[in-house]
């Protein structure tokens, strides 16, 4: 799948799922969506994935936040620690 296809098809689905009312849906999303960062590259990750990441970090469910921290390396590989500071 090309970067443009990911942005036009997957990113809108991810944005919809981040607002799902079911905690287990958001938890599954938190555990999997960061893997596309390496495919998108730094600019698209910053533009499209980072806002979703930050929104999930504010989730009321602590398991979702913990899962994001466990997957943090996937976004820091692309953006670097300085960007996330």
PDB file of N, CA and C in Angstrom:
ATOM      1  N   UNK A   1       0.849  -1.177   0.000  1.00  0.00           N
ATOM      2  CA  UNK A   1       0.000   0.000   0.000  1.00  0.00           C
ATOM      3  C   UNK A   1       0.895   1.242   0.000  1.00  0.00           C
ATOM      4  N   UNK A   2       0.586   2.170  -0.851  1.00  0.00           N
ATOM      5  CA  UNK A   2       1.364   3.395  -0.963  1.00  0.00           C
ATOM      6  C   UNK A   2       0.957   4.391   0.120  1.00  0.00           C
ATOM      7  N   UNK A   3       1.845   5.337   0.372  1.00  0.00           N
ATOM      8  CA  UNK A   3       1.608   6.345   1.405  1.00  0.00           C
ATOM      9  C   UNK A   3       0.303   7.097   1.173  1.00  0.00           C
ATOM     10  N   UNK A   4       0.052   7.503  -0.064  1.00  0.00           N
ATOM     11  CA  UNK A   4      -1.186   8.233  -0.369  1.00  0.00           C
ATOM     12  C   UNK A   4      -2.421   7.393  -0.095  1.00  0.00           C
ATOM     13  N   UNK A   5      -2.336   6.096  -0.372  1.00  0.00           N
ATOM     14  CA  UNK A   5      -3.467   5.199  -0.116  1.00  0.00           C
ATOM     15  C   UNK A   5      -3.712   5.049   1.384  1.00  0.00           C
ATOM     16  N   UNK A   6      -2.637   4.975   2.144  1.00  0.00           N
ATOM     17  CA  UNK A   6      -2.766   4.867   3.602  1.00  0.00           C
ATOM     18  C   UNK A   6      -3.434   6.119   4.156  1.00  0.00           C
ATOM     19  N   UNK A   7      -2.969   7.264   3.700  1.00  0.00           N
ATOM     20  CA  UNK A   7      -3.510   8.532   4.192  1.00  0.00           C
ATOM     21  C   UNK A   7      -4.976   8.697   3.795  1.00  0.00           C
ATOM     22  N   UNK A   8      -5.319   8.322   2.579  1.00  0.00           N
ATOM     23  CA  UNK A   8      -6.695   8.529   2.116  1.00  0.00           C
ATOM     24  C   UNK A   8      -7.671   7.472   2.609  1.00  0.00           C
ATOM     25  N   UNK A   9      -7.193   6.268   2.909  1.00  0.00           N
ATOM     26  CA  UNK A   9      -8.128   5.222   3.324  1.00  0.00           C
ATOM     27  C   UNK A   9      -8.015   4.842   4.801  1.00  0.00           C
ATOM     28  N   UNK A  10      -6.815   4.586   5.285  1.00  0.00           N
ATOM     29  CA  UNK A  10      -6.661   4.127   6.670  1.00  0.00           C
ATOM     30  C   UNK A  10      -6.761   5.233   7.704  1.00  0.00           C
ATOM     31  N   UNK A  11      -6.148   6.367   7.437  1.00  0.00           N
ATOM     32  CA  UNK A  11      -6.144   7.448   8.432  1.00  0.00           C
ATOM     33  C   UNK A  11      -7.562   7.907   8.777  1.00  0.00           C
ATOM     34  N   UNK A  12      -8.466   8.078   7.806  1.00  0.00           N
ATOM     35  CA  UNK A  12      -9.839   8.442   8.197  1.00  0.00           C
ATOM     36  C   UNK A  12     -10.523   7.375   9.067  1.00  0.00           C
ATOM     37  N   UNK A  13     -10.236   6.100   8.796  1.00  0.00           N
ATOM     38  CA  UNK A  13     -10.811   5.030   9.628  1.00  0.00           C
ATOM     39  C   UNK A  13     -10.252   5.092  11.045  1.00  0.00           C
ATOM     40  N   UNK A  14      -8.957   5.352  11.154  1.00  0.00           N
ATOM     41  CA  UNK A  14      -8.322   5.457  12.470  1.00  0.00           C
ATOM     42  C   UNK A  14      -8.919   6.632  13.237  1.00  0.00           C
ATOM     43  N   UNK A  15      -9.121   7.753  12.553  1.00  0.00           N
ATOM     44  CA  UNK A  15      -9.704   8.930  13.203  1.00  0.00           C
ATOM     45  C   UNK A  15     -11.118   8.647  13.697  1.00  0.00           C
ATOM     46  N   UNK A  16     -11.833   7.808  12.994  1.00  0.00           N
ATOM     47  CA  UNK A  16     -13.182   7.434  13.423  1.00  0.00           C
ATOM     48  C   UNK A  16     -13.130   6.498  14.626  1.00  0.00           C
ATOM     49  N   UNK A  17     -12.205   5.546  14.600  1.00  0.00           N
ATOM     50  CA  UNK A  17     -12.102   4.570  15.688  1.00  0.00           C
ATOM     51  C   UNK A  17     -11.617   5.185  16.993  1.00  0.00           C
ATOM     52  N   UNK A  18     -10.831   6.246  16.906  1.00  0.00           N
ATOM     53  CA  UNK A  18     -10.303   6.879  18.121  1.00  0.00           C
ATOM     54  C   UNK A  18     -11.434   7.452  18.974  1.00  0.00           C
ATOM     55  N   UNK A  19     -12.581   7.694  18.362  1.00  0.00           N
ATOM     56  CA  UNK A  19     -13.735   8.233  19.077  1.00  0.00           C
ATOM     57  C   UNK A  19     -14.800   7.182  19.375  1.00  0.00           C
ATOM     58  N   UNK A  20     -14.487   5.917  19.146  1.00  0.00           N
ATOM     59  CA  UNK A  20     -15.450   4.850  19.396  1.00  0.00           C
ATOM     60  C   UNK A  20     -15.829   4.824  20.876  1.00  0.00           C
ATOM     61  N   UNK A  21     -17.071   4.514  21.150  1.00  0.00           N
ATOM     62  CA  UNK A  21     -17.553   4.502  22.528  1.00  0.00           C
ATOM     63  C   UNK A  21     -17.087   3.269  23.312  1.00  0.00           C
ATOM     64  N   UNK A  22     -16.648   2.241  22.617  1.00  0.00           N
ATOM     65  CA  UNK A  22     -16.206   1.009  23.273  1.00  0.00           C
ATOM     66  C   UNK A  22     -14.709   1.091  23.591  1.00  0.00           C
ATOM     67  N   UNK A  23     -14.383   0.913  24.853  1.00  0.00           N
ATOM     68  CA  UNK A  23     -12.981   0.984  25.284  1.00  0.00           C
ATOM     69  C   UNK A  23     -12.109  -0.046  24.578  1.00  0.00           C
ATOM     70  N   UNK A  24     -12.638  -1.255  24.362  1.00  0.00           N
ATOM     71  CA  UNK A  24     -11.814  -2.300  23.761  1.00  0.00           C
ATOM     72  C   UNK A  24     -11.450  -1.971  22.314  1.00  0.00           C
ATOM     73  N   UNK A  25     -12.270  -1.201  21.620  1.00  0.00           N
ATOM     74  CA  UNK A  25     -11.957  -0.779  20.253  1.00  0.00           C
ATOM     75  C   UNK A  25     -10.790   0.211  20.287  1.00  0.00           C
ATOM     76  N   UNK A  26     -10.853   1.173  21.181  1.00  0.00           N
ATOM     77  CA  UNK A  26      -9.774   2.153  21.312  1.00  0.00           C
ATOM     78  C   UNK A  26      -8.492   1.495  21.803  1.00  0.00           C
ATOM     79  N   UNK A  27      -8.635   0.501  22.677  1.00  0.00           N
ATOM     80  CA  UNK A  27      -7.469  -0.234  23.181  1.00  0.00           C
ATOM     81  C   UNK A  27      -6.791  -0.998  22.043  1.00  0.00           C
ATOM     82  N   UNK A  28      -7.561  -1.672  21.219  1.00  0.00           N
ATOM     83  CA  UNK A  28      -7.006  -2.392  20.066  1.00  0.00           C
ATOM     84  C   UNK A  28      -6.331  -1.417  19.102  1.00  0.00           C
ATOM     85  N   UNK A  29      -6.938  -0.285  18.906  1.00  0.00           N
ATOM     86  CA  UNK A  29      -6.365   0.744  18.040  1.00  0.00           C
ATOM     87  C   UNK A  29      -5.033   1.231  18.598  1.00  0.00           C
ATOM     88  N   UNK A  30      -4.993   1.514  19.892  1.00  0.00           N
ATOM     89  CA  UNK A  30      -3.766   2.008  20.535  1.00  0.00           C
ATOM     90  C   UNK A  30      -2.613   1.010  20.386  1.00  0.00           C
ATOM     91  N   UNK A  31      -2.941  -0.253  20.354  1.00  0.00           N
ATOM     92  CA  UNK A  31      -1.919  -1.280  20.235  1.00  0.00           C
ATOM     93  C   UNK A  31      -1.452  -1.555  18.827  1.00  0.00           C
ATOM     94  N   UNK A  32      -2.110  -0.954  17.839  1.00  0.00           N
ATOM     95  CA  UNK A  32      -1.768  -1.334  16.473  1.00  0.00           C
ATOM     96  C   UNK A  32      -1.507  -0.194  15.495  1.00  0.00           C
ATOM     97  N   UNK A  33      -2.094   0.974  15.687  1.00  0.00           N
ATOM     98  CA  UNK A  33      -2.033   1.987  14.637  1.00  0.00           C
ATOM     99  C   UNK A  33      -0.668   2.640  14.472  1.00  0.00           C
ATOM    100  N   UNK A  34       0.180   2.606  15.480  1.00  0.00           N
ATOM    101  CA  UNK A  34       1.487   3.256  15.380  1.00  0.00           C
ATOM    102  C   UNK A  34       2.439   2.519  14.442  1.00  0.00           C
ATOM    103  N   UNK A  35       2.105   1.291  14.076  1.00  0.00           N
ATOM    104  CA  UNK A  35       2.974   0.538  13.179  1.00  0.00           C
ATOM    105  C   UNK A  35       3.030   1.139  11.775  1.00  0.00           C
ATOM    106  N   UNK A  36       2.084   2.010  11.423  1.00  0.00           N
ATOM    107  CA  UNK A  36       2.132   2.620  10.094  1.00  0.00           C
ATOM    108  C   UNK A  36       3.051   3.834  10.036  1.00  0.00           C
ATOM    109  N   UNK A  37       3.585   4.255  11.163  1.00  0.00           N
ATOM    110  CA  UNK A  37       4.469   5.430  11.191  1.00  0.00           C
ATOM    111  C   UNK A  37       5.661   5.271  10.263  1.00  0.00           C
ATOM    112  N   UNK A  38       6.289   4.104  10.286  1.00  0.00           N
ATOM    113  CA  UNK A  38       7.478   3.908   9.451  1.00  0.00           C
ATOM    114  C   UNK A  38       7.130   3.959   7.969  1.00  0.00           C
ATOM    115  N   UNK A  39       5.937   3.578   7.618  1.00  0.00           N
ATOM    116  CA  UNK A  39       5.486   3.641   6.229  1.00  0.00           C
ATOM    117  C   UNK A  39       5.209   5.080   5.800  1.00  0.00           C
ATOM    118  N   UNK A  40       4.672   5.883   6.703  1.00  0.00           N
ATOM    119  CA  UNK A  40       4.283   7.245   6.363  1.00  0.00           C
ATOM    120  C   UNK A  40       5.437   8.230   6.341  1.00  0.00           C
ATOM    121  N   UNK A  41       6.453   8.003   7.155  1.00  0.00           N
ATOM    122  CA  UNK A  41       7.565   8.947   7.232  1.00  0.00           C
ATOM    123  C   UNK A  41       7.265  10.058   8.227  1.00  0.00           C
ATOM    124  N   UNK A  42       8.261  10.909   8.437  1.00  0.00           N
ATOM    125  CA  UNK A  42       8.192  11.918   9.492  1.00  0.00           C
ATOM    126  C   UNK A  42       7.086  12.958   9.267  1.00  0.00           C
ATOM    127  N   UNK A  43       7.004  13.520   8.072  1.00  0.00           N
ATOM    128  CA  UNK A  43       6.028  14.586   7.822  1.00  0.00           C
ATOM    129  C   UNK A  43       4.594  14.097   7.983  1.00  0.00           C
ATOM    130  N   UNK A  44       4.262  12.985   7.347  1.00  0.00           N
ATOM    131  CA  UNK A  44       2.891  12.473   7.419  1.00  0.00           C
ATOM    132  C   UNK A  44       2.559  11.938   8.812  1.00  0.00           C
ATOM    133  N   UNK A  45       3.555  11.383   9.499  1.00  0.00           N
ATOM    134  CA  UNK A  45       3.326  10.939  10.873  1.00  0.00           C
ATOM    135  C   UNK A  45       3.019  12.135  11.762  1.00  0.00           C
ATOM    136  N   UNK A  46       3.778  13.203  11.589  1.00  0.00           N
ATOM    137  CA  UNK A  46       3.536  14.422  12.353  1.00  0.00           C
ATOM    138  C   UNK A  46       2.164  15.004  12.045  1.00  0.00           C
ATOM    139  N   UNK A  47       1.801  15.039  10.777  1.00  0.00           N
ATOM    140  CA  UNK A  47       0.538  15.650  10.350  1.00  0.00           C
ATOM    141  C   UNK A  47      -0.689  14.814  10.697  1.00  0.00           C
ATOM    142  N   UNK A  48      -0.588  13.499  10.573  1.00  0.00           N
ATOM    143  CA  UNK A  48      -1.775  12.647  10.670  1.00  0.00           C
ATOM    144  C   UNK A  48      -1.830  11.737  11.900  1.00  0.00           C
ATOM    145  N   UNK A  49      -0.687  11.185  12.285  1.00  0.00           N
ATOM    146  CA  UNK A  49      -0.678  10.183  13.365  1.00  0.00           C
ATOM    147  C   UNK A  49      -0.466  10.817  14.733  1.00  0.00           C
ATOM    148  N   UNK A  50       0.400  11.802  14.821  1.00  0.00           N
ATOM    149  CA  UNK A  50       0.670  12.450  16.109  1.00  0.00           C
ATOM    150  C   UNK A  50      -0.590  13.027  16.760  1.00  0.00           C
ATOM    151  N   UNK A  51      -1.480  13.701  16.023  1.00  0.00           N
ATOM    152  CA  UNK A  51      -2.711  14.188  16.665  1.00  0.00           C
ATOM    153  C   UNK A  51      -3.592  13.057  17.219  1.00  0.00           C
ATOM    154  N   UNK A  52      -3.616  11.927  16.527  1.00  0.00           N
ATOM    155  CA  UNK A  52      -4.383  10.775  17.014  1.00  0.00           C
ATOM    156  C   UNK A  52      -3.734  10.216  18.270  1.00  0.00           C
ATOM    157  N   UNK A  53      -2.419  10.114  18.247  1.00  0.00           N
ATOM    158  CA  UNK A  53      -1.658   9.647  19.403  1.00  0.00           C
ATOM    159  C   UNK A  53      -1.937  10.523  20.623  1.00  0.00           C
ATOM    160  N   UNK A  54      -1.871  11.829  20.422  1.00  0.00           N
ATOM    161  CA  UNK A  54      -2.110  12.766  21.526  1.00  0.00           C
ATOM    162  C   UNK A  54      -3.544  12.687  22.038  1.00  0.00           C
ATOM    163  N   UNK A  55      -4.489  12.479  21.146  1.00  0.00           N
ATOM    164  CA  UNK A  55      -5.880  12.335  21.567  1.00  0.00           C
ATOM    165  C   UNK A  55      -6.063  11.073  22.414  1.00  0.00           C
ATOM    166  N   UNK A  56      -5.446   9.983  22.001  1.00  0.00           N
ATOM    167  CA  UNK A  56      -5.543   8.746  22.783  1.00  0.00           C
ATOM    168  C   UNK A  56      -4.830   8.854  24.125  1.00  0.00           C
ATOM    169  N   UNK A  57      -3.782   9.665  24.194  1.00  0.00           N
ATOM    170  CA  UNK A  57      -3.099   9.870  25.477  1.00  0.00           C
ATOM    171  C   UNK A  57      -3.998  10.538  26.509  1.00  0.00           C
ATOM    172  N   UNK A  58      -5.025  11.226  26.050  1.00  0.00           N
ATOM    173  CA  UNK A  58      -5.966  11.901  26.946  1.00  0.00           C
ATOM    174  C   UNK A  58      -7.159  11.011  27.313  1.00  0.00           C
ATOM    175  N   UNK A  59      -7.168   9.785  26.822  1.00  0.00           N
ATOM    176  CA  UNK A  59      -8.289   8.880  27.064  1.00  0.00           C
ATOM    177  C   UNK A  59      -8.445   8.610  28.559  1.00  0.00           C
ATOM    178  N   UNK A  60      -9.680   8.458  28.995  1.00  0.00           N
ATOM    179  CA  UNK A  60      -9.964   8.178  30.399  1.00  0.00           C
ATOM    180  C   UNK A  60      -9.513   6.777  30.823  1.00  0.00           C
ATOM    181  N   UNK A  61      -9.431   5.863  29.876  1.00  0.00           N
ATOM    182  CA  UNK A  61      -9.070   4.481  30.173  1.00  0.00           C
ATOM    183  C   UNK A  61      -7.546   4.362  30.308  1.00  0.00           C
ATOM    184  N   UNK A  62      -7.091   4.001  31.484  1.00  0.00           N
ATOM    185  CA  UNK A  62      -5.649   3.921  31.732  1.00  0.00           C
ATOM    186  C   UNK A  62      -4.979   2.820  30.904  1.00  0.00           C
ATOM    187  N   UNK A  63      -5.678   1.758  30.580  1.00  0.00           N
ATOM    188  CA  UNK A  63      -5.108   0.681  29.765  1.00  0.00           C
ATOM    189  C   UNK A  63      -4.733   1.181  28.376  1.00  0.00           C
ATOM    190  N   UNK A  64      -5.526   2.095  27.855  1.00  0.00           N
ATOM    191  CA  UNK A  64      -5.248   2.674  26.540  1.00  0.00           C
ATOM    192  C   UNK A  64      -3.968   3.495  26.611  1.00  0.00           C
ATOM    193  N   UNK A  65      -3.832   4.286  27.634  1.00  0.00           N
ATOM    194  CA  UNK A  65      -2.618   5.098  27.796  1.00  0.00           C
ATOM    195  C   UNK A  65      -1.389   4.218  28.007  1.00  0.00           C
ATOM    196  N   UNK A  66      -1.518   3.164  28.802  1.00  0.00           N
ATOM    197  CA  UNK A  66      -0.408   2.240  29.044  1.00  0.00           C
ATOM    198  C   UNK A  66       0.005   1.558  27.743  1.00  0.00           C
ATOM    199  N   UNK A  67      -0.967   1.150  26.951  1.00  0.00           N
ATOM    200  CA  UNK A  67      -0.677   0.506  25.672  1.00  0.00           C
ATOM    201  C   UNK A  67       0.080   1.451  24.744  1.00  0.00           C
ATOM    202  N   UNK A  68      -0.310   2.714  24.734  1.00  0.00           N
ATOM    203  CA  UNK A  68       0.409   3.697  23.915  1.00  0.00           C
ATOM    204  C   UNK A  68       1.860   3.827  24.357  1.00  0.00           C
ATOM    205  N   UNK A  69       2.097   3.853  25.649  1.00  0.00           N
ATOM    206  CA  UNK A  69       3.471   3.960  26.144  1.00  0.00           C
ATOM    207  C   UNK A  69       4.290   2.730  25.768  1.00  0.00           C
ATOM    208  N   UNK A  70       3.652   1.563  25.748  1.00  0.00           N
ATOM    209  CA  UNK A  70       4.350   0.343  25.347  1.00  0.00           C
ATOM    210  C   UNK A  70       4.738   0.389  23.868  1.00  0.00           C
ATOM    211  N   UNK A  71       3.973   1.104  23.068  1.00  0.00           N
ATOM    212  CA  UNK A  71       4.218   1.200  21.623  1.00  0.00           C
ATOM    213  C   UNK A  71       4.941   2.488  21.237  1.00  0.00           C
ATOM    214  N   UNK A  72       5.365   3.249  22.208  1.00  0.00           N
ATOM    215  CA  UNK A  72       5.981   4.555  21.967  1.00  0.00           C
ATOM    216  C   UNK A  72       7.188   4.487  21.033  1.00  0.00           C
ATOM    217  N   UNK A  73       7.921   3.389  21.081  1.00  0.00           N
ATOM    218  CA  UNK A  73       9.105   3.267  20.237  1.00  0.00           C
ATOM    219  C   UNK A  73       8.773   3.334  18.747  1.00  0.00           C
ATOM    220  N   UNK A  74       7.571   2.937  18.362  1.00  0.00           N
ATOM    221  CA  UNK A  74       7.201   2.947  16.949  1.00  0.00           C
ATOM    222  C   UNK A  74       7.054   4.364  16.396  1.00  0.00           C
ATOM    223  N   UNK A  75       6.635   5.283  17.216  1.00  0.00           N
ATOM    224  CA  UNK A  75       6.502   6.663  16.759  1.00  0.00           C
ATOM    225  C   UNK A  75       7.818   7.426  16.960  1.00  0.00           C
ATOM    226  N   UNK A  76       8.574   7.084  17.998  1.00  0.00           N
ATOM    227  CA  UNK A  76       9.839   7.785  18.226  1.00  0.00           C
ATOM    228  C   UNK A  76      10.894   7.395  17.193  1.00  0.00           C
ATOM    229  N   UNK A  77      10.805   6.210  16.619  1.00  0.00           N
ATOM    230  CA  UNK A  77      11.728   5.816  15.548  1.00  0.00           C
ATOM    231  C   UNK A  77      11.608   6.761  14.358  1.00  0.00           C
ATOM    232  N   UNK A  78      10.403   7.228  14.101  1.00  0.00           N
ATOM    233  CA  UNK A  78      10.146   8.080  12.952  1.00  0.00           C
ATOM    234  C   UNK A  78      10.319   9.558  13.299  1.00  0.00           C
ATOM    235  N   UNK A  79       9.763   9.974  14.436  1.00  0.00           N
ATOM    236  CA  UNK A  79       9.781  11.386  14.786  1.00  0.00           C
ATOM    237  C   UNK A  79      10.994  11.804  15.597  1.00  0.00           C
ATOM    238  N   UNK A  80      11.549  10.896  16.358  1.00  0.00           N
ATOM    239  CA  UNK A  80      12.646  11.227  17.250  1.00  0.00           C
ATOM    240  C   UNK A  80      12.104  11.756  18.580  1.00  0.00           C
ATOM    241  N   UNK A  81      12.895  11.634  19.600  1.00  0.00           N
ATOM    242  CA  UNK A  81      12.470  12.068  20.939  1.00  0.00           C
ATOM    243  C   UNK A  81      12.292  13.580  21.033  1.00  0.00           C
ATOM    244  N   UNK A  82      13.097  14.335  20.294  1.00  0.00           N
ATOM    245  CA  UNK A  82      13.009  15.794  20.351  1.00  0.00           C
ATOM    246  C   UNK A  82      11.629  16.291  19.928  1.00  0.00           C
ATOM    247  N   UNK A  83      11.049  15.668  18.933  1.00  0.00           N
ATOM    248  CA  UNK A  83       9.719  16.075  18.445  1.00  0.00           C
ATOM    249  C   UNK A  83       8.656  15.841  19.498  1.00  0.00           C
ATOM    250  N   UNK A  84       8.785  14.766  20.254  1.00  0.00           N
ATOM    251  CA  UNK A  84       7.777  14.414  21.247  1.00  0.00           C
ATOM    252  C   UNK A  84       7.969  15.135  22.574  1.00  0.00           C
ATOM    253  N   UNK A  85       9.079  15.810  22.742  1.00  0.00           N
ATOM    254  CA  UNK A  85       9.354  16.500  24.007  1.00  0.00           C
ATOM    255  C   UNK A  85       8.513  17.748  24.153  1.00  0.00           C
TER     256      UNK A  85
END
